Protein backbone atom coordinates (compact mmCIF):
# COMPACT_ATOMS: atom_id res chain seq x y z
CA MET A 1 -10.51 -2.45 -28.70
CA ILE A 2 -9.99 0.64 -26.64
CA GLY A 3 -10.03 -1.35 -23.34
CA LYS A 4 -6.86 -3.35 -24.41
CA LYS A 5 -4.44 -0.69 -23.15
CA ASN A 6 -6.07 -1.02 -19.58
CA VAL A 7 -5.84 -4.49 -19.58
CA VAL A 8 -2.19 -4.72 -20.49
CA PHE A 9 -1.20 -1.97 -18.35
CA GLY A 10 -3.22 -3.56 -15.42
CA PHE A 11 -1.28 -6.77 -15.87
CA LEU A 12 2.06 -5.31 -16.03
CA TYR A 13 1.27 -2.71 -13.33
CA LEU A 14 -0.05 -5.56 -11.13
CA VAL A 15 3.38 -7.21 -11.56
CA ILE A 16 5.28 -4.21 -10.23
CA THR A 17 3.03 -3.58 -7.35
CA ALA A 18 2.63 -7.30 -6.33
CA SER A 19 6.47 -7.67 -6.43
CA LEU A 20 6.58 -5.31 -3.38
CA GLY A 21 5.17 -7.93 -1.33
CA PRO A 22 8.19 -10.48 -1.56
CA PHE A 23 10.45 -7.50 -1.57
CA MET A 24 8.93 -6.64 2.08
CA VAL A 25 9.67 -9.97 3.06
CA VAL A 26 13.15 -10.34 1.98
CA ASN A 27 14.33 -6.86 2.69
CA LEU A 28 12.74 -5.78 5.63
CA ALA A 29 11.54 -8.87 7.70
CA PRO A 30 15.09 -9.44 9.09
CA ASP A 31 15.15 -6.00 10.57
CA ILE A 32 11.76 -6.50 12.34
CA GLU A 33 12.49 -9.95 13.45
CA LYS A 34 15.63 -8.65 15.29
CA ALA A 35 13.67 -5.97 16.96
CA VAL A 36 11.37 -8.27 17.86
CA VAL A 37 13.39 -10.64 19.43
CA GLU A 38 15.50 -7.89 21.27
CA LYS A 39 12.22 -6.20 22.65
CA GLN A 40 10.82 -10.10 23.84
CA GLY A 41 14.34 -10.12 25.95
CA ILE A 42 13.56 -7.03 27.63
CA VAL A 43 10.03 -7.06 28.08
CA GLY A 44 10.50 -10.82 29.25
CA GLU A 45 12.89 -9.63 32.06
CA ILE A 46 10.42 -6.84 32.84
CA GLN A 47 7.63 -9.23 33.08
CA GLN A 48 9.79 -11.74 35.56
CA LEU A 49 10.73 -8.63 37.51
CA GLU A 50 7.00 -8.01 38.12
CA ILE A 51 6.38 -11.64 39.03
CA ASP A 52 9.40 -11.52 41.48
CA GLU A 53 7.51 -8.19 42.97
CA PHE A 54 10.57 -6.17 41.79
CA GLU A 55 13.30 -7.98 43.28
CA LYS A 56 16.51 -8.81 41.58
CA ASP A 57 18.92 -11.57 43.25
CA LEU A 58 16.30 -11.54 46.10
CA ASP A 59 16.99 -7.89 46.95
CA PRO A 60 14.25 -5.16 46.44
CA MET A 61 15.09 -3.10 43.14
CA ALA A 62 15.61 0.83 43.76
CA ALA A 63 13.09 2.82 41.88
CA GLU A 64 15.80 4.12 39.63
CA ASP A 65 16.57 0.64 38.36
CA ILE A 66 13.04 -0.05 37.89
CA ALA A 67 12.55 2.94 35.84
CA LYS A 68 15.69 2.41 33.74
CA THR A 69 14.32 -1.21 33.12
CA ASN A 70 10.99 0.10 32.08
CA THR A 71 12.75 2.79 29.88
CA GLY A 72 14.48 -0.22 28.18
CA GLY A 73 11.35 -2.10 27.52
CA LEU A 74 9.65 1.09 25.87
CA LEU A 75 12.44 1.74 23.88
CA SER A 76 12.69 -1.77 22.48
CA LEU A 77 8.90 -1.44 21.87
CA ASN A 78 9.60 1.84 19.89
CA LYS A 79 12.42 -0.04 17.79
CA VAL A 80 9.98 -2.63 17.00
CA TYR A 81 7.68 0.22 15.59
CA ASN A 82 10.41 1.89 13.76
CA ALA A 83 11.12 -1.19 12.19
CA GLU A 84 7.71 -2.00 11.12
CA ALA A 85 7.17 1.48 9.58
CA PRO A 86 8.67 1.05 6.34
CA LYS A 87 6.82 -2.05 5.65
CA ASN A 88 3.53 -0.43 6.82
CA MET A 89 4.27 2.33 4.60
CA ILE A 90 4.90 0.04 1.56
CA LYS A 91 2.04 -2.39 2.27
CA ALA A 92 -0.55 0.72 3.00
CA GLY A 93 0.67 2.79 -0.04
CA PRO A 94 2.01 1.49 -3.39
CA HIS A 95 1.38 -2.20 -2.59
CA ALA A 96 -2.40 -2.05 -1.74
CA HIS A 97 -3.39 0.65 -3.85
CA GLY A 98 -1.36 -0.13 -7.02
CA ASN A 99 -2.86 -3.71 -6.83
CA LEU A 100 -6.36 -2.45 -6.64
CA GLU A 101 -5.71 0.08 -9.14
CA ALA A 102 -4.04 -2.78 -11.49
CA LEU A 103 -7.19 -4.70 -11.07
CA LEU A 104 -9.61 -1.99 -11.68
CA ASN A 105 -7.57 -1.22 -15.15
CA ILE A 106 -7.93 -4.78 -15.77
CA VAL A 107 -11.83 -4.48 -15.33
CA VAL A 108 -12.39 -1.33 -16.76
CA GLY A 109 -10.78 -2.54 -20.04
CA ILE A 110 -12.81 -5.65 -20.19
CA ALA A 111 -16.00 -3.45 -19.53
CA LEU A 112 -15.08 -0.86 -22.16
CA CYS A 113 -15.09 -3.73 -24.63
CA PHE A 114 -18.97 -4.19 -23.67
CA ILE A 115 -20.07 -0.65 -24.09
CA ALA A 116 -21.20 1.14 -27.34
CA VAL A 117 -20.42 4.78 -26.84
CA SER A 118 -18.16 7.15 -29.18
CA ARG A 119 -14.54 6.42 -29.77
CA LYS A 120 -13.53 9.38 -27.98
CA PHE A 121 -15.52 8.89 -24.71
CA LYS A 122 -14.05 5.51 -24.38
CA GLN A 123 -10.48 6.88 -25.34
CA ALA A 124 -10.95 9.26 -22.55
CA ILE A 125 -12.30 6.84 -19.99
CA SER A 126 -9.60 4.53 -20.86
CA TRP A 127 -6.75 7.10 -20.24
CA ILE A 128 -8.15 8.80 -17.01
CA PHE A 129 -7.88 5.50 -15.54
CA ILE A 130 -4.28 4.93 -16.56
CA LEU A 131 -3.57 8.51 -16.02
CA GLY A 132 -5.27 8.10 -12.23
CA THR A 133 -3.33 5.19 -11.47
CA ILE A 134 0.12 6.41 -12.28
CA LEU A 135 -0.61 9.70 -10.48
CA HIS A 136 -1.97 7.91 -7.17
CA SER A 137 -0.39 4.80 -6.19
CA GLY A 138 2.69 5.62 -8.82
CA THR A 139 3.50 8.65 -6.95
CA LEU A 140 3.18 6.46 -3.58
CA PHE A 141 5.52 4.07 -5.07
CA LEU A 142 8.26 6.96 -5.81
CA LEU A 143 7.50 8.39 -2.42
CA VAL A 144 7.75 5.52 -0.15
CA MET A 145 10.30 3.51 -2.13
CA PHE A 146 12.63 6.35 -3.45
CA GLU A 147 11.94 9.15 -1.11
CA GLN A 148 10.69 11.19 -3.88
CA THR A 149 8.97 13.84 -1.94
CA TRP A 150 8.17 16.38 -4.89
CA VAL A 151 5.42 13.81 -6.07
CA LEU A 152 3.25 15.05 -3.19
CA ALA A 153 2.52 18.15 -5.64
CA ILE A 154 1.07 16.04 -7.87
CA ALA A 155 -0.55 13.11 -6.09
CA PRO A 156 -3.86 14.40 -5.32
CA ALA A 157 -4.77 14.52 -9.04
CA GLY A 158 -4.98 10.69 -8.84
CA PRO A 159 -7.59 9.89 -6.81
CA VAL A 160 -9.62 12.52 -8.32
CA LEU A 161 -9.03 11.31 -11.96
CA LEU A 162 -9.82 7.78 -10.43
CA LEU A 163 -13.21 9.09 -9.22
CA LEU A 164 -13.80 10.99 -12.46
CA GLY A 165 -13.02 7.45 -14.51
CA LEU A 166 -15.59 5.74 -12.27
CA PHE A 167 -18.12 8.22 -12.95
CA LEU A 168 -17.53 8.54 -16.76
CA ALA A 169 -17.41 4.47 -16.75
CA GLY A 170 -20.82 4.44 -15.04
CA ILE A 171 -22.06 7.15 -17.50
CA ALA A 172 -21.03 5.11 -20.29
CA ALA A 173 -22.37 1.90 -19.13
CA ALA A 174 -25.81 3.39 -18.64
CA MET A 175 -25.86 4.88 -22.38
CA GLY A 176 -24.27 1.77 -24.11
CA PHE A 177 -23.57 -1.47 -22.31
CA ARG A 178 -24.23 -4.38 -24.41
CA GLY A 179 -23.94 -8.08 -23.47
CA GLU A 180 -21.49 -8.84 -26.13
CA ILE A 181 -18.32 -7.39 -27.28
CA VAL A 182 -19.09 -4.32 -29.28
CA ARG A 183 -17.14 -2.54 -32.33
CA ASP A 184 -15.35 0.85 -31.55
CA TYR A 185 -16.99 3.51 -33.84
């Protein structure tokens, strides 16, 4: 069964990419929470100043003091944004794409079991999906988690291979999809 390697690869790859969820919660959430709490304190102070018509201790605030307070608020917002950036990079990159591509490999592996075309054609489809996954979400994983920027040179090949794999799987299904498991020939 040629699709078996895609099913096995898909499940094992899903373990890796899905584990990025707990990684984000355990390792990145405390920094985000700290930045949000700090922001809330500063922004809350600005909100109270606005309600009090920019008086502090019943004295009107000087324009310079208002500007400094607002600057602190802006910087605290930026700190939250910067604290969330690593989580967003992981979530939008290797976590989401990796999970999707793992599931895609599982589906393709199962579909290949129901398609009667030449063994070489099925092997090509199978390996194209595995390589496409490694070169797409695998390179995103290396880039985001380990800051390996060299992968940017090969990363564009991944989506191209995945699209090629989808196209070839569609052709193969049109040529030989059966409603039952077939023997590879």
